[in-house]
Amino acid sequence: MPLSTQTPRFPEALHALAQLRAQLVEELKQGRRDRLAHKLQLDDAIACLQWCEAHSITASAKVTQLPETRTRTPSSEYRILEDHETEDRSIWTELQQGDQPLRPSPGMLLVDAGLWPD
């Protein structure tokens, strides 16, 4: 769920891409099968831009890819914890998604979209 309700950032770009997509669909209807790959690529680009907009992700977002864990055993994993402003680890809580702990795995991306002030 996005944390931001900012004004849409890419409306003109999405509109232009939608127009190009509509043109490609018409060409496909006229039998131009060679346009299918371009249309599918455009569909993916539009979906990516819409997803970025929905989550307030811009080109200036900071992205970190989680590396392999240092302990290379099947039971070693990353955990996301909230420290509740204390160094007392007995008070820390693990982030939950629904009723399950959210445990990212190596290769997953952490995105800082700049929604929180430094």
Protein backbone atom coordinates (compact mmCIF):
# COMPACT_ATOMS: atom_id res chain seq x y z
CA MET A 1 0.00 0.00 0.00
CA PRO A 2 1.49 3.37 -0.97
CA LEU A 3 2.39 5.73 1.87
CA SER A 4 1.91 8.83 -0.25
CA THR A 5 -1.12 10.42 -1.86
CA GLN A 6 0.87 12.82 -4.01
CA THR A 7 -0.51 14.30 -7.19
CA PRO A 8 0.13 12.00 -10.16
CA ARG A 9 3.63 12.65 -11.43
CA PHE A 10 3.48 11.17 -14.92
CA PRO A 11 0.03 12.05 -16.36
CA GLU A 12 1.31 13.48 -19.66
CA ALA A 13 3.74 10.63 -20.23
CA LEU A 14 1.09 8.01 -19.48
CA HIS A 15 -1.37 9.79 -21.77
CA ALA A 16 1.17 9.86 -24.61
CA LEU A 17 1.97 6.17 -24.11
CA ALA A 18 -1.76 5.32 -24.05
CA GLN A 19 -2.21 7.15 -27.36
CA LEU A 20 0.70 5.26 -28.91
CA ARG A 21 -0.76 2.02 -27.58
CA ALA A 22 -4.15 2.81 -29.15
CA GLN A 23 -2.41 3.46 -32.47
CA LEU A 24 -0.62 0.10 -32.24
CA VAL A 25 -3.89 -1.69 -31.42
CA GLU A 26 -5.44 -0.18 -34.57
CA GLU A 27 -2.47 -1.32 -36.64
CA LEU A 28 -2.83 -4.82 -35.18
CA LYS A 29 -6.53 -4.83 -36.13
CA GLN A 30 -5.48 -3.97 -39.69
CA GLY A 31 -3.33 -7.09 -39.79
CA ARG A 32 0.06 -5.58 -38.90
CA ARG A 33 1.22 -8.54 -36.81
CA ASP A 34 4.75 -7.10 -36.72
CA ARG A 35 3.43 -4.48 -34.26
CA LEU A 36 2.56 -7.04 -31.57
CA ALA A 37 6.00 -7.10 -29.91
CA HIS A 38 6.04 -3.30 -29.78
CA LYS A 39 2.53 -3.23 -28.27
CA LEU A 40 3.45 -5.80 -25.61
CA GLN A 41 6.61 -3.87 -24.76
CA LEU A 42 4.54 -0.71 -24.46
CA ASP A 43 2.00 -2.46 -22.20
CA ASP A 44 4.85 -3.44 -19.88
CA ALA A 45 6.30 0.08 -19.88
CA ILE A 46 2.90 1.60 -19.07
CA ALA A 47 2.37 -0.88 -16.21
CA CYS A 48 5.84 -0.12 -14.81
CA LEU A 49 5.25 3.62 -14.92
CA GLN A 50 1.82 3.24 -13.30
CA TRP A 51 3.33 1.08 -10.55
CA CYS A 52 6.08 3.63 -9.92
CA GLU A 53 3.50 6.40 -9.79
CA ALA A 54 1.26 4.44 -7.40
CA HIS A 55 4.21 3.98 -5.01
CA SER A 56 5.71 7.47 -5.54
CA ILE A 57 8.89 5.98 -6.97
CA THR A 58 10.91 8.31 -9.15
CA ALA A 59 14.26 8.10 -10.90
CA SER A 60 15.87 9.69 -7.82
CA ALA A 61 14.75 6.85 -5.51
CA LYS A 62 17.59 5.09 -3.72
CA VAL A 63 17.60 1.35 -4.33
CA THR A 64 19.55 -1.30 -2.43
CA GLN A 65 19.65 -4.92 -3.52
CA LEU A 66 20.03 -7.28 -0.58
CA PRO A 67 23.22 -9.32 -0.89
CA GLU A 68 23.60 -12.98 -0.06
CA THR A 69 23.47 -13.59 3.67
CA ARG A 70 26.86 -13.93 5.34
CA THR A 71 25.78 -17.22 6.89
CA ARG A 72 25.10 -19.58 4.02
CA THR A 73 22.71 -22.03 5.60
CA PRO A 74 19.06 -22.61 4.67
CA SER A 75 17.84 -21.27 8.02
CA SER A 76 19.77 -17.97 7.92
CA GLU A 77 17.56 -15.10 6.77
CA TYR A 78 17.04 -11.38 6.84
CA ARG A 79 14.49 -9.89 9.22
CA ILE A 80 13.01 -6.41 9.37
CA LEU A 81 12.77 -5.14 12.93
CA GLU A 82 11.41 -2.03 14.61
CA ASP A 83 13.61 -0.99 17.52
CA HIS A 84 11.03 1.22 19.31
CA GLU A 85 13.80 3.78 19.95
CA THR A 86 15.70 1.50 22.28
CA GLU A 87 18.84 -0.60 22.20
CA ASP A 88 17.08 -3.22 24.32
CA ARG A 89 16.66 -6.00 21.74
CA SER A 90 14.07 -7.78 23.89
CA ILE A 91 11.61 -4.98 23.04
CA TRP A 92 12.22 -4.99 19.31
CA THR A 93 9.39 -6.32 17.12
CA GLU A 94 9.51 -7.97 13.73
CA LEU A 95 7.59 -6.40 10.86
CA GLN A 96 4.49 -8.40 10.01
CA GLN A 97 2.58 -8.63 6.75
CA GLY A 98 -0.82 -9.87 7.78
CA ASP A 99 -0.12 -12.53 10.39
CA GLN A 100 3.26 -13.56 8.94
CA PRO A 101 6.68 -11.99 9.50
CA LEU A 102 8.00 -10.14 6.46
CA ARG A 103 11.36 -11.74 5.69
CA PRO A 104 13.12 -10.45 2.60
CA SER A 105 15.50 -12.74 0.77
CA PRO A 106 18.81 -12.07 -1.00
CA GLY A 107 18.27 -10.26 -4.27
CA MET A 108 15.18 -8.40 -3.10
CA LEU A 109 15.19 -4.63 -3.52
CA LEU A 110 14.76 -2.06 -0.77
CA VAL A 111 13.50 1.22 -2.23
CA ASP A 112 13.80 4.58 -0.47
CA ALA A 113 11.34 6.71 -2.42
CA GLY A 114 12.05 9.72 -0.19
CA LEU A 115 8.59 9.74 1.39
CA TRP A 116 9.92 10.35 4.88
CA PRO A 117 11.99 13.41 5.78
CA ASP A 118 15.60 12.77 6.81
